[in-house]
Amino acid sequence: MNNAPPIQFTGLDNLLWGIVSTVQFYSLPIMAISIATLGVLLIYSGDDTDRKSRLKSHIFNILLGGLLVFGATSIAGILKTFLTSH
């Protein structure tokens, strides 16, 4: 029999912030590796303008996704601080 206690959180707020911090913790290195890989592919693409355009689009989408994830968390943190202090 497994006697390990289940994961418990003191509230929904702590659960959601735990999920968000985990997503941020793992997404940043993945984004960095993806952008570096796409940058190398962009350098080696040669004169293929269609491929360069697709690679630039992928890099832009990764940066936009990172901006959304980290920006939304920053805004949520500011709102949480403001709402709990008043």
PDB file of N, CA and C in Angstrom:
ATOM      1  N   MET A   1       0.834  -1.179   0.000  1.00  0.00           N
ATOM      2  CA  MET A   1       0.000   0.000   0.000  1.00  0.00           C
ATOM      3  C   MET A   1       0.880   1.243   0.000  1.00  0.00           C
ATOM      4  N   ASN A   2       0.431   2.227  -0.700  1.00  0.00           N
ATOM      5  CA  ASN A   2       1.156   3.483  -0.791  1.00  0.00           C
ATOM      6  C   ASN A   2       0.589   4.453   0.235  1.00  0.00           C
ATOM      7  N   ASN A   3       1.412   4.904   1.146  1.00  0.00           N
ATOM      8  CA  ASN A   3       0.959   5.813   2.200  1.00  0.00           C
ATOM      9  C   ASN A   3       1.352   7.258   1.933  1.00  0.00           C
ATOM     10  N   ALA A   4       1.693   7.582   0.704  1.00  0.00           N
ATOM     11  CA  ALA A   4       2.089   8.946   0.371  1.00  0.00           C
ATOM     12  C   ALA A   4       0.863   9.854   0.410  1.00  0.00           C
ATOM     13  N   PRO A   5       0.998  11.034   1.020  1.00  0.00           N
ATOM     14  CA  PRO A   5      -0.149  11.949   1.064  1.00  0.00           C
ATOM     15  C   PRO A   5      -0.383  12.581  -0.304  1.00  0.00           C
ATOM     16  N   PRO A   6      -1.612  12.910  -0.630  1.00  0.00           N
ATOM     17  CA  PRO A   6      -1.884  13.579  -1.903  1.00  0.00           C
ATOM     18  C   PRO A   6      -1.355  15.006  -1.882  1.00  0.00           C
ATOM     19  N   ILE A   7      -1.150  15.556  -3.053  1.00  0.00           N
ATOM     20  CA  ILE A   7      -0.699  16.946  -3.148  1.00  0.00           C
ATOM     21  C   ILE A   7      -1.840  17.839  -2.682  1.00  0.00           C
ATOM     22  N   GLN A   8      -1.535  18.736  -1.769  1.00  0.00           N
ATOM     23  CA  GLN A   8      -2.554  19.620  -1.222  1.00  0.00           C
ATOM     24  C   GLN A   8      -2.101  21.064  -1.337  1.00  0.00           C
ATOM     25  N   PHE A   9      -3.053  21.912  -1.628  1.00  0.00           N
ATOM     26  CA  PHE A   9      -2.808  23.343  -1.694  1.00  0.00           C
ATOM     27  C   PHE A   9      -3.758  24.033  -0.730  1.00  0.00           C
ATOM     28  N   THR A  10      -3.319  25.142  -0.181  1.00  0.00           N
ATOM     29  CA  THR A  10      -4.153  25.847   0.781  1.00  0.00           C
ATOM     30  C   THR A  10      -5.325  26.550   0.121  1.00  0.00           C
ATOM     31  N   GLY A  11      -5.226  26.774  -1.169  1.00  0.00           N
ATOM     32  CA  GLY A  11      -6.317  27.427  -1.880  1.00  0.00           C
ATOM     33  C   GLY A  11      -6.120  27.333  -3.379  1.00  0.00           C
ATOM     34  N   LEU A  12      -7.149  27.691  -4.095  1.00  0.00           N
ATOM     35  CA  LEU A  12      -7.097  27.667  -5.561  1.00  0.00           C
ATOM     36  C   LEU A  12      -6.040  28.631  -6.078  1.00  0.00           C
ATOM     37  N   ASP A  13      -5.871  29.749  -5.399  1.00  0.00           N
ATOM     38  CA  ASP A  13      -4.871  30.744  -5.792  1.00  0.00           C
ATOM     39  C   ASP A  13      -3.466  30.142  -5.795  1.00  0.00           C
ATOM     40  N   ASN A  14      -3.130  29.411  -4.746  1.00  0.00           N
ATOM     41  CA  ASN A  14      -1.807  28.778  -4.672  1.00  0.00           C
ATOM     42  C   ASN A  14      -1.627  27.708  -5.737  1.00  0.00           C
ATOM     43  N   LEU A  15      -2.675  26.971  -6.042  1.00  0.00           N
ATOM     44  CA  LEU A  15      -2.608  25.957  -7.099  1.00  0.00           C
ATOM     45  C   LEU A  15      -2.330  26.601  -8.449  1.00  0.00           C
ATOM     46  N   LEU A  16      -3.069  27.660  -8.764  1.00  0.00           N
ATOM     47  CA  LEU A  16      -2.899  28.323 -10.064  1.00  0.00           C
ATOM     48  C   LEU A  16      -1.524  28.964 -10.194  1.00  0.00           C
ATOM     49  N   TRP A  17      -1.031  29.606  -9.117  1.00  0.00           N
ATOM     50  CA  TRP A  17       0.299  30.201  -9.184  1.00  0.00           C
ATOM     51  C   TRP A  17       1.374  29.124  -9.295  1.00  0.00           C
ATOM     52  N   GLY A  18       1.140  27.962  -8.696  1.00  0.00           N
ATOM     53  CA  GLY A  18       2.075  26.846  -8.835  1.00  0.00           C
ATOM     54  C   GLY A  18       2.154  26.349 -10.264  1.00  0.00           C
ATOM     55  N   ILE A  19       0.999  26.269 -10.914  1.00  0.00           N
ATOM     56  CA  ILE A  19       0.966  25.834 -12.318  1.00  0.00           C
ATOM     57  C   ILE A  19       1.663  26.852 -13.206  1.00  0.00           C
ATOM     58  N   VAL A  20       1.380  28.134 -12.977  1.00  0.00           N
ATOM     59  CA  VAL A  20       1.979  29.191 -13.796  1.00  0.00           C
ATOM     60  C   VAL A  20       3.493  29.225 -13.630  1.00  0.00           C
ATOM     61  N   SER A  21       3.978  29.106 -12.405  1.00  0.00           N
ATOM     62  CA  SER A  21       5.426  29.133 -12.204  1.00  0.00           C
ATOM     63  C   SER A  21       6.103  27.914 -12.815  1.00  0.00           C
ATOM     64  N   THR A  22       5.432  26.776 -12.811  1.00  0.00           N
ATOM     65  CA  THR A  22       5.985  25.578 -13.458  1.00  0.00           C
ATOM     66  C   THR A  22       6.056  25.766 -14.967  1.00  0.00           C
ATOM     67  N   VAL A  23       5.009  26.320 -15.546  1.00  0.00           N
ATOM     68  CA  VAL A  23       5.006  26.573 -16.995  1.00  0.00           C
ATOM     69  C   VAL A  23       6.134  27.535 -17.358  1.00  0.00           C
ATOM     70  N   GLN A  24       6.316  28.582 -16.568  1.00  0.00           N
ATOM     71  CA  GLN A  24       7.393  29.524 -16.852  1.00  0.00           C
ATOM     72  C   GLN A  24       8.760  28.870 -16.699  1.00  0.00           C
ATOM     73  N   PHE A  25       8.921  28.070 -15.672  1.00  0.00           N
ATOM     74  CA  PHE A  25      10.207  27.430 -15.396  1.00  0.00           C
ATOM     75  C   PHE A  25      10.644  26.541 -16.561  1.00  0.00           C
ATOM     76  N   TYR A  26       9.707  25.811 -17.154  1.00  0.00           N
ATOM     77  CA  TYR A  26      10.065  24.903 -18.236  1.00  0.00           C
ATOM     78  C   TYR A  26       9.995  25.540 -19.621  1.00  0.00           C
ATOM     79  N   SER A  27       9.222  26.593 -19.786  1.00  0.00           N
ATOM     80  CA  SER A  27       9.081  27.166 -21.123  1.00  0.00           C
ATOM     81  C   SER A  27      10.276  28.026 -21.529  1.00  0.00           C
ATOM     82  N   LEU A  28      10.913  28.692 -20.588  1.00  0.00           N
ATOM     83  CA  LEU A  28      12.031  29.573 -20.945  1.00  0.00           C
ATOM     84  C   LEU A  28      13.199  28.816 -21.571  1.00  0.00           C
ATOM     85  N   PRO A  29      13.687  27.711 -20.988  1.00  0.00           N
ATOM     86  CA  PRO A  29      14.777  26.989 -21.659  1.00  0.00           C
ATOM     87  C   PRO A  29      14.364  26.386 -23.003  1.00  0.00           C
ATOM     88  N   ILE A  30      13.131  25.920 -23.091  1.00  0.00           N
ATOM     89  CA  ILE A  30      12.660  25.354 -24.359  1.00  0.00           C
ATOM     90  C   ILE A  30      12.606  26.436 -25.425  1.00  0.00           C
ATOM     91  N   MET A  31      12.141  27.628 -25.048  1.00  0.00           N
ATOM     92  CA  MET A  31      12.110  28.730 -26.003  1.00  0.00           C
ATOM     93  C   MET A  31      13.515  29.114 -26.446  1.00  0.00           C
ATOM     94  N   ALA A  32      14.455  29.166 -25.511  1.00  0.00           N
ATOM     95  CA  ALA A  32      15.826  29.548 -25.853  1.00  0.00           C
ATOM     96  C   ALA A  32      16.465  28.532 -26.797  1.00  0.00           C
ATOM     97  N   ILE A  33      16.278  27.259 -26.521  1.00  0.00           N
ATOM     98  CA  ILE A  33      16.840  26.220 -27.392  1.00  0.00           C
ATOM     99  C   ILE A  33      16.185  26.271 -28.766  1.00  0.00           C
ATOM    100  N   SER A  34      14.877  26.496 -28.809  1.00  0.00           N
ATOM    101  CA  SER A  34      14.173  26.563 -30.093  1.00  0.00           C
ATOM    102  C   SER A  34      14.639  27.748 -30.922  1.00  0.00           C
ATOM    103  N   ILE A  35      14.796  28.895 -30.296  1.00  0.00           N
ATOM    104  CA  ILE A  35      15.242  30.079 -31.034  1.00  0.00           C
ATOM    105  C   ILE A  35      16.674  29.896 -31.524  1.00  0.00           C
ATOM    106  N   ALA A  36      17.526  29.303 -30.701  1.00  0.00           N
ATOM    107  CA  ALA A  36      18.906  29.059 -31.129  1.00  0.00           C
ATOM    108  C   ALA A  36      18.950  28.088 -32.312  1.00  0.00           C
ATOM    109  N   THR A  37      18.151  27.041 -32.246  1.00  0.00           N
ATOM    110  CA  THR A  37      18.106  26.069 -33.348  1.00  0.00           C
ATOM    111  C   THR A  37      17.580  26.720 -34.619  1.00  0.00           C
ATOM    112  N   LEU A  38      16.513  27.504 -34.490  1.00  0.00           N
ATOM    113  CA  LEU A  38      15.975  28.177 -35.669  1.00  0.00           C
ATOM    114  C   LEU A  38      16.954  29.214 -36.215  1.00  0.00           C
ATOM    115  N   GLY A  39      17.726  29.841 -35.339  1.00  0.00           N
ATOM    116  CA  GLY A  39      18.744  30.790 -35.795  1.00  0.00           C
ATOM    117  C   GLY A  39      19.828  30.111 -36.602  1.00  0.00           C
ATOM    118  N   VAL A  40      20.267  28.940 -36.151  1.00  0.00           N
ATOM    119  CA  VAL A  40      21.270  28.179 -36.914  1.00  0.00           C
ATOM    120  C   VAL A  40      20.693  27.759 -38.259  1.00  0.00           C
ATOM    121  N   LEU A  41      19.444  27.292 -38.262  1.00  0.00           N
ATOM    122  CA  LEU A  41      18.807  26.914 -39.529  1.00  0.00           C
ATOM    123  C   LEU A  41      18.651  28.117 -40.451  1.00  0.00           C
ATOM    124  N   LEU A  42      18.413  29.285 -39.866  1.00  0.00           N
ATOM    125  CA  LEU A  42      18.289  30.504 -40.661  1.00  0.00           C
ATOM    126  C   LEU A  42      19.616  30.856 -41.322  1.00  0.00           C
ATOM    127  N   ILE A  43      20.700  30.666 -40.594  1.00  0.00           N
ATOM    128  CA  ILE A  43      22.028  30.948 -41.158  1.00  0.00           C
ATOM    129  C   ILE A  43      22.325  29.988 -42.311  1.00  0.00           C
ATOM    130  N   TYR A  44      21.975  28.716 -42.136  1.00  0.00           N
ATOM    131  CA  TYR A  44      22.274  27.713 -43.157  1.00  0.00           C
ATOM    132  C   TYR A  44      21.228  27.635 -44.266  1.00  0.00           C
ATOM    133  N   SER A  45      20.238  28.507 -44.250  1.00  0.00           N
ATOM    134  CA  SER A  45      19.186  28.417 -45.264  1.00  0.00           C
ATOM    135  C   SER A  45      19.641  28.888 -46.643  1.00  0.00           C
ATOM    136  N   GLY A  46      20.729  29.612 -46.700  1.00  0.00           N
ATOM    137  CA  GLY A  46      21.263  30.038 -48.000  1.00  0.00           C
ATOM    138  C   GLY A  46      20.377  31.077 -48.658  1.00  0.00           C
ATOM    139  N   ASP A  47      20.102  30.857 -49.936  1.00  0.00           N
ATOM    140  CA  ASP A  47      19.316  31.811 -50.717  1.00  0.00           C
ATOM    141  C   ASP A  47      17.837  31.470 -50.779  1.00  0.00           C
ATOM    142  N   ASP A  48      17.403  30.490 -50.022  1.00  0.00           N
ATOM    143  CA  ASP A  48      16.003  30.072 -50.038  1.00  0.00           C
ATOM    144  C   ASP A  48      15.162  31.070 -49.232  1.00  0.00           C
ATOM    145  N   THR A  49      14.563  32.023 -49.937  1.00  0.00           N
ATOM    146  CA  THR A  49      13.817  33.082 -49.263  1.00  0.00           C
ATOM    147  C   THR A  49      12.539  32.566 -48.608  1.00  0.00           C
ATOM    148  N   ASP A  50      11.931  31.548 -49.184  1.00  0.00           N
ATOM    149  CA  ASP A  50      10.714  30.987 -48.589  1.00  0.00           C
ATOM    150  C   ASP A  50      11.028  30.345 -47.230  1.00  0.00           C
ATOM    151  N   ARG A  51      12.129  29.613 -47.178  1.00  0.00           N
ATOM    152  CA  ARG A  51      12.526  28.980 -45.919  1.00  0.00           C
ATOM    153  C   ARG A  51      12.905  30.027 -44.880  1.00  0.00           C
ATOM    154  N   LYS A  52      13.614  31.084 -45.306  1.00  0.00           N
ATOM    155  CA  LYS A  52      13.977  32.161 -44.376  1.00  0.00           C
ATOM    156  C   LYS A  52      12.724  32.818 -43.810  1.00  0.00           C
ATOM    157  N   SER A  53      11.745  33.027 -44.650  1.00  0.00           N
ATOM    158  CA  SER A  53      10.507  33.644 -44.209  1.00  0.00           C
ATOM    159  C   SER A  53       9.791  32.766 -43.186  1.00  0.00           C
ATOM    160  N   ARG A  54       9.738  31.454 -43.428  1.00  0.00           N
ATOM    161  CA  ARG A  54       9.092  30.538 -42.479  1.00  0.00           C
ATOM    162  C   ARG A  54       9.838  30.497 -41.150  1.00  0.00           C
ATOM    163  N   LEU A  55      11.174  30.471 -41.196  1.00  0.00           N
ATOM    164  CA  LEU A  55      11.969  30.430 -39.976  1.00  0.00           C
ATOM    165  C   LEU A  55      11.799  31.717 -39.162  1.00  0.00           C
ATOM    166  N   LYS A  56      11.787  32.857 -39.845  1.00  0.00           N
ATOM    167  CA  LYS A  56      11.567  34.124 -39.150  1.00  0.00           C
ATOM    168  C   LYS A  56      10.183  34.159 -38.516  1.00  0.00           C
ATOM    169  N   SER A  57       9.209  33.606 -39.204  1.00  0.00           N
ATOM    170  CA  SER A  57       7.854  33.540 -38.657  1.00  0.00           C
ATOM    171  C   SER A  57       7.804  32.673 -37.405  1.00  0.00           C
ATOM    172  N   HIS A  58       8.513  31.554 -37.420  1.00  0.00           N
ATOM    173  CA  HIS A  58       8.556  30.675 -36.249  1.00  0.00           C
ATOM    174  C   HIS A  58       9.233  31.375 -35.062  1.00  0.00           C
ATOM    175  N   ILE A  59      10.330  32.080 -35.328  1.00  0.00           N
ATOM    176  CA  ILE A  59      11.020  32.809 -34.261  1.00  0.00           C
ATOM    177  C   ILE A  59      10.111  33.885 -33.676  1.00  0.00           C
ATOM    178  N   PHE A  60       9.418  34.607 -34.545  1.00  0.00           N
ATOM    179  CA  PHE A  60       8.493  35.644 -34.089  1.00  0.00           C
ATOM    180  C   PHE A  60       7.375  35.038 -33.234  1.00  0.00           C
ATOM    181  N   ASN A  61       6.834  33.903 -33.650  1.00  0.00           N
ATOM    182  CA  ASN A  61       5.761  33.260 -32.887  1.00  0.00           C
ATOM    183  C   ASN A  61       6.240  32.792 -31.516  1.00  0.00           C
ATOM    184  N   ILE A  62       7.466  32.289 -31.445  1.00  0.00           N
ATOM    185  CA  ILE A  62       8.016  31.865 -30.153  1.00  0.00           C
ATOM    186  C   ILE A  62       8.182  33.071 -29.233  1.00  0.00           C
ATOM    187  N   LEU A  63       8.706  34.165 -29.759  1.00  0.00           N
ATOM    188  CA  LEU A  63       8.877  35.374 -28.952  1.00  0.00           C
ATOM    189  C   LEU A  63       7.530  35.943 -28.514  1.00  0.00           C
ATOM    190  N   LEU A  64       6.549  35.908 -29.392  1.00  0.00           N
ATOM    191  CA  LEU A  64       5.214  36.379 -29.046  1.00  0.00           C
ATOM    192  C   LEU A  64       4.594  35.516 -27.956  1.00  0.00           C
ATOM    193  N   GLY A  65       4.763  34.210 -28.053  1.00  0.00           N
ATOM    194  CA  GLY A  65       4.253  33.311 -27.020  1.00  0.00           C
ATOM    195  C   GLY A  65       4.910  33.562 -25.674  1.00  0.00           C
ATOM    196  N   GLY A  66       6.220  33.786 -25.673  1.00  0.00           N
ATOM    197  CA  GLY A  66       6.919  34.105 -24.434  1.00  0.00           C
ATOM    198  C   GLY A  66       6.444  35.415 -23.838  1.00  0.00           C
ATOM    199  N   LEU A  67       6.214  36.395 -24.696  1.00  0.00           N
ATOM    200  CA  LEU A  67       5.694  37.672 -24.230  1.00  0.00           C
ATOM    201  C   LEU A  67       4.320  37.494 -23.587  1.00  0.00           C
ATOM    202  N   LEU A  68       3.482  36.677 -24.185  1.00  0.00           N
ATOM    203  CA  LEU A  68       2.153  36.435 -23.621  1.00  0.00           C
ATOM    204  C   LEU A  68       2.228  35.724 -22.277  1.00  0.00           C
ATOM    205  N   VAL A  69       3.060  34.694 -22.177  1.00  0.00           N
ATOM    206  CA  VAL A  69       3.157  33.920 -20.931  1.00  0.00           C
ATOM    207  C   VAL A  69       3.727  34.766 -19.804  1.00  0.00           C
ATOM    208  N   PHE A  70       4.855  35.408 -20.051  1.00  0.00           N
ATOM    209  CA  PHE A  70       5.509  36.170 -18.993  1.00  0.00           C
ATOM    210  C   PHE A  70       4.812  37.505 -18.733  1.00  0.00           C
ATOM    211  N   GLY A  71       4.264  38.111 -19.773  1.00  0.00           N
ATOM    212  CA  GLY A  71       3.537  39.373 -19.590  1.00  0.00           C
ATOM    213  C   GLY A  71       2.240  39.182 -18.825  1.00  0.00           C
ATOM    214  N   ALA A  72       1.511  38.124 -19.147  1.00  0.00           N
ATOM    215  CA  ALA A  72       0.252  37.860 -18.447  1.00  0.00           C
ATOM    216  C   ALA A  72       0.509  37.575 -16.972  1.00  0.00           C
ATOM    217  N   THR A  73       1.576  36.862 -16.687  1.00  0.00           N
ATOM    218  CA  THR A  73       1.908  36.576 -15.292  1.00  0.00           C
ATOM    219  C   THR A  73       2.294  37.849 -14.554  1.00  0.00           C
ATOM    220  N   SER A  74       3.026  38.711 -15.201  1.00  0.00           N
ATOM    221  CA  SER A  74       3.407  39.984 -14.568  1.00  0.00           C
ATOM    222  C   SER A  74       2.174  40.833 -14.272  1.00  0.00           C
ATOM    223  N   ILE A  75       1.280  40.923 -15.236  1.00  0.00           N
ATOM    224  CA  ILE A  75       0.055  41.703 -15.035  1.00  0.00           C
ATOM    225  C   ILE A  75      -0.794  41.084 -13.928  1.00  0.00           C
ATOM    226  N   ALA A  76      -0.895  39.755 -13.912  1.00  0.00           N
ATOM    227  CA  ALA A  76      -1.664  39.082 -12.865  1.00  0.00           C
ATOM    228  C   ALA A  76      -1.045  39.325 -11.489  1.00  0.00           C
ATOM    229  N   GLY A  77       0.271  39.326 -11.402  1.00  0.00           N
ATOM    230  CA  GLY A  77       0.942  39.593 -10.130  1.00  0.00           C
ATOM    231  C   GLY A  77       0.692  41.016  -9.648  1.00  0.00           C
ATOM    232  N   ILE A  78       0.724  41.956 -10.567  1.00  0.00           N
ATOM    233  CA  ILE A  78       0.457  43.353 -10.202  1.00  0.00           C
ATOM    234  C   ILE A  78      -0.994  43.503  -9.744  1.00  0.00           C
ATOM    235  N   LEU A  79      -1.928  42.907 -10.477  1.00  0.00           N
ATOM    236  CA  LEU A  79      -3.332  42.986 -10.080  1.00  0.00           C
ATOM    237  C   LEU A  79      -3.568  42.305  -8.729  1.00  0.00           C
ATOM    238  N   LYS A  80      -2.926  41.177  -8.504  1.00  0.00           N
ATOM    239  CA  LYS A  80      -3.075  40.474  -7.225  1.00  0.00           C
ATOM    240  C   LYS A  80      -2.578  41.342  -6.079  1.00  0.00           C
ATOM    241  N   THR A  81      -1.429  41.966  -6.267  1.00  0.00           N
ATOM    242  CA  THR A  81      -0.887  42.851  -5.230  1.00  0.00           C
ATOM    243  C   THR A  81      -1.817  44.027  -4.972  1.00  0.00           C
ATOM    244  N   PHE A  82      -2.330  44.605  -6.039  1.00  0.00           N
ATOM    245  CA  PHE A  82      -3.225  45.767  -5.899  1.00  0.00           C
ATOM    246  C   PHE A  82      -4.535  45.369  -5.229  1.00  0.00           C
ATOM    247  N   LEU A  83      -5.112  44.264  -5.644  1.00  0.00           N
ATOM    248  CA  LEU A  83      -6.421  43.870  -5.112  1.00  0.00           C
ATOM    249  C   LEU A  83      -6.357  43.361  -3.674  1.00  0.00           C
ATOM    250  N   THR A  84      -5.258  42.729  -3.301  1.00  0.00           N
ATOM    251  CA  THR A  84      -5.167  42.214  -1.933  1.00  0.00           C
ATOM    252  C   THR A  84      -4.750  43.289  -0.937  1.00  0.00           C
ATOM    253  N   SER A  85      -4.175  44.392  -1.414  1.00  0.00           N
ATOM    254  CA  SER A  85      -3.751  45.451  -0.494  1.00  0.00           C
ATOM    255  C   SER A  85      -4.872  46.436  -0.201  1.00  0.00           C
ATOM    256  N   HIS A  86      -5.925  46.426  -0.997  1.00  0.00           N
ATOM    257  CA  HIS A  86      -7.026  47.394  -0.784  1.00  0.00           C
ATOM    258  C   HIS A  86      -8.268  46.699  -0.308  1.00  0.00           C
TER     259      HIS A  86
END
